[in-house]
């Protein structure tokens, strides 16, 4: 997950928590609208934040130099294709822009084949950044059969009844 110039620490903290649960790393491209050691980032990320291997870069160009073979998907409300139409692979990056302006149009125009959007009703501007990240991340993971994630959950006190499960499935 790549955040290009994120502005709100609460969103970034929540995104960090989502990344931990999804087995994704978090890359932040400066300038940031906050310090990553701020209490608000840690509060939103709860006890997950210290386990998140966050990497920071001074610019988009530095990010590209550090990941020259990267396949990056650019999430933008301006894209013609939806997130369901992406051809995601394990190891791909999903990039989101800052809350107030999105990804710079120069980056989008240079990468039209990798720009995708989350479908929304006409006339609405955008989802909250942390919600958009969760939607796109889990759609990309669905395309690779949730590689590395648990496929079945367990109840805490009871167990699933085999007969009932067959009816549900």
Protein backbone atom coordinates (compact mmCIF):
# COMPACT_ATOMS: atom_id res chain seq x y z
CA UNK A 1 0.00 0.00 0.00
CA UNK A 2 1.40 3.37 -1.01
CA UNK A 3 0.05 6.69 0.27
CA UNK A 4 1.18 9.70 -1.75
CA UNK A 5 1.39 12.71 0.59
CA UNK A 6 -1.29 11.66 3.12
CA UNK A 7 -2.61 14.51 5.22
CA UNK A 8 -4.62 13.02 8.08
CA UNK A 9 -2.92 10.92 10.76
CA UNK A 10 -6.12 9.09 11.73
CA UNK A 11 -6.60 7.79 8.20
CA UNK A 12 -2.99 6.66 7.98
CA UNK A 13 -3.24 4.90 11.35
CA UNK A 14 -6.40 3.07 10.28
CA UNK A 15 -4.77 2.15 6.95
CA UNK A 16 -1.76 0.79 8.83
CA UNK A 17 -4.05 -1.45 10.88
CA UNK A 18 -5.75 -2.68 7.68
CA UNK A 19 -2.34 -3.40 6.16
CA UNK A 20 -1.29 -5.51 9.15
CA UNK A 21 -4.50 -7.57 8.98
CA UNK A 22 -4.14 -8.06 5.21
CA UNK A 23 -0.43 -8.89 5.26
CA UNK A 24 0.47 -5.74 3.33
CA UNK A 25 3.24 -3.24 3.91
CA UNK A 26 2.77 0.52 4.05
CA UNK A 27 4.84 3.01 2.06
CA UNK A 28 4.47 6.76 2.68
CA UNK A 29 5.61 9.40 0.20
CA UNK A 30 6.43 12.79 1.72
CA UNK A 31 5.48 15.42 2.50
CA UNK A 32 3.17 14.03 5.16
CA UNK A 33 0.59 16.16 6.95
CA UNK A 34 1.78 14.75 10.30
CA UNK A 35 4.64 12.97 12.03
CA UNK A 36 4.43 9.18 12.05
CA UNK A 37 5.21 9.13 15.76
CA UNK A 38 2.15 11.26 16.57
CA UNK A 39 -0.24 9.89 19.13
CA UNK A 40 -3.16 10.18 16.69
CA UNK A 41 -1.49 7.84 14.18
CA UNK A 42 -0.68 5.30 16.87
CA UNK A 43 -4.17 5.61 18.40
CA UNK A 44 -5.88 4.85 15.08
CA UNK A 45 -3.50 1.96 14.45
CA UNK A 46 -3.89 0.73 18.05
CA UNK A 47 -1.34 -1.88 19.06
CA UNK A 48 -0.87 -2.82 15.40
CA UNK A 49 1.30 0.20 14.55
CA UNK A 50 4.61 -1.03 16.06
CA UNK A 51 4.38 -4.24 13.97
CA UNK A 52 3.84 -2.36 10.74
CA UNK A 53 7.02 -2.00 8.69
CA UNK A 54 6.38 1.54 7.46
CA UNK A 55 8.80 2.90 4.85
CA UNK A 56 8.98 6.59 4.01
CA UNK A 57 10.27 8.24 0.83
CA UNK A 58 11.06 11.86 0.09
CA UNK A 59 9.36 11.75 -3.32
CA UNK A 60 7.51 9.62 -5.84
CA UNK A 61 10.74 9.43 -7.83
CA UNK A 62 12.58 8.01 -4.81
CA UNK A 63 9.84 5.41 -4.35
CA UNK A 64 10.21 4.38 -8.02
CA UNK A 65 14.01 4.22 -7.70
CA UNK A 66 13.69 1.92 -4.67
CA UNK A 67 11.18 -0.31 -6.50
CA UNK A 68 12.19 -0.22 -10.19
CA UNK A 69 10.22 -3.35 -11.14
CA UNK A 70 7.08 -2.35 -9.23
CA UNK A 71 3.64 -2.85 -10.74
CA UNK A 72 1.63 0.02 -9.33
CA UNK A 73 -2.14 0.42 -9.48
CA UNK A 74 -3.24 4.03 -9.13
CA UNK A 75 -6.58 4.50 -7.36
CA UNK A 76 -8.42 7.54 -8.64
CA UNK A 77 -12.02 8.63 -9.06
CA UNK A 78 -11.00 9.75 -12.57
CA UNK A 79 -10.23 6.25 -13.94
CA UNK A 80 -12.28 4.61 -16.67
CA UNK A 81 -11.83 1.07 -15.28
CA UNK A 82 -13.05 -0.19 -11.91
CA UNK A 83 -11.06 -2.05 -9.28
CA UNK A 84 -12.77 -5.27 -10.38
CA UNK A 85 -11.09 -4.95 -13.79
CA UNK A 86 -7.54 -4.88 -12.46
CA UNK A 87 -5.16 -7.73 -13.24
CA UNK A 88 -3.57 -7.87 -9.79
CA UNK A 89 -0.59 -10.03 -8.90
CA UNK A 90 1.05 -10.86 -5.61
CA UNK A 91 3.54 -8.08 -4.86
CA UNK A 92 1.68 -5.32 -6.71
CA UNK A 93 1.42 -1.88 -5.12
CA UNK A 94 -1.81 0.08 -4.73
CA UNK A 95 -1.27 3.85 -4.60
CA UNK A 96 -3.66 6.43 -3.18
CA UNK A 97 -3.25 10.20 -3.14
CA UNK A 98 -3.74 12.73 -0.41
CA UNK A 99 -7.20 13.27 0.99
CA UNK A 100 -7.68 16.77 -0.45
CA UNK A 101 -6.45 16.24 -4.03
CA UNK A 102 -5.72 12.59 -4.83
CA UNK A 103 -2.74 11.47 -6.90
CA UNK A 104 -1.18 14.22 -9.04
CA UNK A 105 -2.60 14.16 -12.57
CA UNK A 106 0.92 14.00 -14.06
CA UNK A 107 1.36 10.57 -12.46
CA UNK A 108 -2.10 9.41 -13.58
CA UNK A 109 -1.62 10.61 -17.18
CA UNK A 110 1.69 8.72 -17.37
CA UNK A 111 0.04 5.45 -16.22
CA UNK A 112 -3.47 5.22 -17.75
CA UNK A 113 -3.40 1.41 -18.06
CA UNK A 114 -2.97 1.05 -14.28
CA UNK A 115 -5.56 3.60 -13.13
CA UNK A 116 -8.65 2.11 -11.48
CA UNK A 117 -11.54 3.46 -9.43
CA UNK A 118 -14.03 2.27 -6.86
CA UNK A 119 -17.56 2.46 -8.33
CA UNK A 120 -19.82 5.00 -6.64
CA UNK A 121 -23.16 6.62 -7.35
CA UNK A 122 -22.97 9.53 -9.81
CA UNK A 123 -22.21 12.94 -8.38
CA UNK A 124 -20.40 11.83 -5.21
CA UNK A 125 -16.82 12.99 -4.79
CA UNK A 126 -15.01 10.15 -3.00
CA UNK A 127 -14.91 7.70 -0.13
CA UNK A 128 -12.92 8.32 3.05
CA UNK A 129 -9.31 7.36 2.30
CA UNK A 130 -9.09 4.55 4.86
CA UNK A 131 -12.36 3.04 3.61
CA UNK A 132 -11.21 3.26 -0.01
CA UNK A 133 -7.92 1.56 0.85
CA UNK A 134 -9.74 -1.31 2.57
CA UNK A 135 -12.12 -1.80 -0.37
CA UNK A 136 -9.36 -1.77 -2.98
CA UNK A 137 -6.92 -3.87 -0.97
CA UNK A 138 -9.39 -6.66 -0.36
CA UNK A 139 -10.55 -6.59 -4.00
CA UNK A 140 -6.92 -7.01 -5.11
CA UNK A 141 -6.47 -9.83 -2.58
CA UNK A 142 -9.63 -11.52 -3.88
CA UNK A 143 -8.02 -11.63 -7.33
CA UNK A 144 -5.11 -13.63 -5.91
CA UNK A 145 -7.36 -15.87 -3.81
CA UNK A 146 -6.49 -14.07 -0.56
CA UNK A 147 -2.91 -15.38 -0.69
CA UNK A 148 -1.48 -15.74 2.81
CA UNK A 149 -4.74 -14.99 4.62
CA UNK A 150 -6.93 -17.29 6.70
CA UNK A 151 -9.63 -18.91 4.61
CA UNK A 152 -11.89 -20.01 7.49
CA UNK A 153 -12.74 -18.40 10.79
CA UNK A 154 -13.50 -20.07 14.09
CA UNK A 155 -15.98 -19.20 16.80
CA UNK A 156 -14.58 -18.24 20.21
CA UNK A 157 -16.78 -20.35 22.52
CA UNK A 158 -18.71 -22.67 20.20
CA UNK A 159 -17.85 -24.64 17.09
CA UNK A 160 -19.42 -24.68 13.65
CA UNK A 161 -21.86 -27.52 13.13
CA UNK A 162 -20.80 -29.49 10.02
CA UNK A 163 -24.43 -30.04 8.91
CA UNK A 164 -25.29 -26.35 9.24
CA UNK A 165 -22.14 -25.36 7.35
CA UNK A 166 -23.03 -27.62 4.40
CA UNK A 167 -26.42 -25.90 4.15
CA UNK A 168 -24.80 -22.45 4.16
CA UNK A 169 -22.24 -23.40 1.52
